[in-house]
């Protein structure tokens, strides 16, 4: 369980979160477990992309919390509206879509030892 003491800032608590459900709980975001079970890593990766564009220096704790909550809600909404394959947040999915006509590497059975 994540310490929910108000003396500890939300960014510190999020950095200690160990599951997608922890993020949703800490930020008070409602979610459908079926969507999170399928797209948990994709949602957190997308939130991280949004987070990387944010500047929190000088912001008060309530504002930081509200902005983090909005980022998670936005990331979650991305995967409610479409699938992880459609969103392609991970490099392997982006590369698979980048050149679909590229031939897969072929290794003949005679080369295997």
Protein backbone atom coordinates (compact mmCIF):
# COMPACT_ATOMS: atom_id res chain seq x y z
CA UNK A 1 0.00 0.00 0.00
CA UNK A 2 1.26 3.48 -0.87
CA UNK A 3 1.57 5.96 2.01
CA UNK A 4 -1.20 8.51 1.52
CA UNK A 5 0.02 11.03 4.09
CA UNK A 6 -0.68 14.59 2.90
CA UNK A 7 2.82 15.60 4.07
CA UNK A 8 4.29 13.53 1.23
CA UNK A 9 3.86 15.19 -2.15
CA UNK A 10 1.93 13.48 -4.94
CA UNK A 11 5.01 13.25 -7.16
CA UNK A 12 6.85 11.33 -4.41
CA UNK A 13 3.88 9.01 -3.91
CA UNK A 14 3.54 8.40 -7.65
CA UNK A 15 7.24 7.58 -7.88
CA UNK A 16 6.67 4.79 -5.35
CA UNK A 17 3.54 3.40 -7.02
CA UNK A 18 3.97 -0.21 -8.06
CA UNK A 19 0.92 -0.76 -10.25
CA UNK A 20 -1.40 1.05 -12.61
CA UNK A 21 -4.13 0.65 -9.99
CA UNK A 22 -1.93 2.57 -7.52
CA UNK A 23 -1.76 5.50 -9.94
CA UNK A 24 -5.54 5.52 -10.40
CA UNK A 25 -6.10 5.26 -6.65
CA UNK A 26 -3.58 7.96 -5.69
CA UNK A 27 -5.03 10.41 -8.21
CA UNK A 28 -8.67 9.49 -7.63
CA UNK A 29 -9.35 8.51 -11.24
CA UNK A 30 -12.17 6.05 -11.92
CA UNK A 31 -11.38 3.26 -14.38
CA UNK A 32 -12.73 0.08 -15.90
CA UNK A 33 -10.55 -2.84 -14.76
CA UNK A 34 -11.09 -4.57 -18.13
CA UNK A 35 -9.44 -1.65 -19.95
CA UNK A 36 -6.59 -1.38 -17.45
CA UNK A 37 -5.96 -5.14 -17.60
CA UNK A 38 -5.43 -4.91 -21.36
CA UNK A 39 -3.64 -1.55 -21.61
CA UNK A 40 -2.00 -0.86 -18.23
CA UNK A 41 1.55 -0.41 -19.53
CA UNK A 42 0.34 1.57 -22.52
CA UNK A 43 -1.68 3.93 -20.29
CA UNK A 44 1.26 4.53 -17.96
CA UNK A 45 3.65 5.02 -20.89
CA UNK A 46 1.27 7.56 -22.44
CA UNK A 47 0.94 9.34 -19.08
CA UNK A 48 4.74 9.44 -18.96
CA UNK A 49 4.79 11.07 -22.40
CA UNK A 50 2.37 13.74 -21.20
CA UNK A 51 4.31 14.08 -17.93
CA UNK A 52 7.59 14.70 -19.78
CA UNK A 53 6.07 17.83 -21.33
CA UNK A 54 5.08 19.32 -17.95
CA UNK A 55 6.95 21.79 -15.78
CA UNK A 56 6.06 21.66 -12.08
CA UNK A 57 8.66 24.09 -10.69
CA UNK A 58 6.96 26.62 -8.45
CA UNK A 59 3.55 24.93 -8.66
CA UNK A 60 1.59 24.35 -5.48
CA UNK A 61 0.75 20.78 -4.43
CA UNK A 62 -2.98 21.05 -5.30
CA UNK A 63 -2.11 22.23 -8.81
CA UNK A 64 0.46 19.46 -9.29
CA UNK A 65 -2.09 16.88 -8.14
CA UNK A 66 -4.77 18.27 -10.49
CA UNK A 67 -2.38 18.29 -13.45
CA UNK A 68 -1.23 14.72 -12.75
CA UNK A 69 -4.84 13.60 -12.46
CA UNK A 70 -5.67 15.29 -15.78
CA UNK A 71 -2.71 13.55 -17.45
CA UNK A 72 -3.81 10.13 -16.21
CA UNK A 73 -7.42 10.79 -17.24
CA UNK A 74 -6.25 11.84 -20.71
CA UNK A 75 -3.95 8.82 -21.07
CA UNK A 76 -6.72 6.47 -19.93
CA UNK A 77 -9.21 8.09 -22.33
CA UNK A 78 -6.79 7.46 -25.20
CA UNK A 79 -7.17 3.72 -24.59
CA UNK A 80 -10.89 3.79 -23.91
CA UNK A 81 -11.37 5.29 -27.37
CA UNK A 82 -8.90 3.01 -29.19
CA UNK A 83 -6.61 0.04 -28.70
CA UNK A 84 -2.92 -0.19 -27.79
CA UNK A 85 -2.26 -1.27 -31.39
CA UNK A 86 -3.95 1.90 -32.68
CA UNK A 87 -2.08 4.16 -30.24
CA UNK A 88 1.38 2.58 -30.69
CA UNK A 89 3.14 4.11 -27.69
CA UNK A 90 5.91 1.51 -27.62
CA UNK A 91 8.80 1.44 -30.09
CA UNK A 92 8.16 -2.14 -31.21
CA UNK A 93 4.60 -1.25 -32.26
CA UNK A 94 5.74 1.93 -34.02
CA UNK A 95 8.39 0.03 -35.96
CA UNK A 96 5.92 -2.68 -36.96
CA UNK A 97 3.68 -0.02 -38.48
CA UNK A 98 6.49 2.03 -40.02
CA UNK A 99 7.39 -0.45 -42.73
CA UNK A 100 4.76 -3.17 -43.03
CA UNK A 101 6.15 -4.35 -46.38
CA UNK A 102 9.63 -4.95 -45.00
CA UNK A 103 10.41 -8.63 -45.29
CA UNK A 104 10.91 -10.52 -42.10
CA UNK A 105 14.35 -11.99 -41.58
CA UNK A 106 14.48 -15.51 -42.97
CA UNK A 107 16.70 -18.18 -41.51
CA UNK A 108 16.54 -21.53 -43.31
CA UNK A 109 16.15 -24.61 -41.12
CA UNK A 110 19.46 -25.93 -42.47
CA UNK A 111 21.21 -23.00 -40.73
CA UNK A 112 19.85 -23.87 -37.30
CA UNK A 113 22.06 -26.06 -35.12
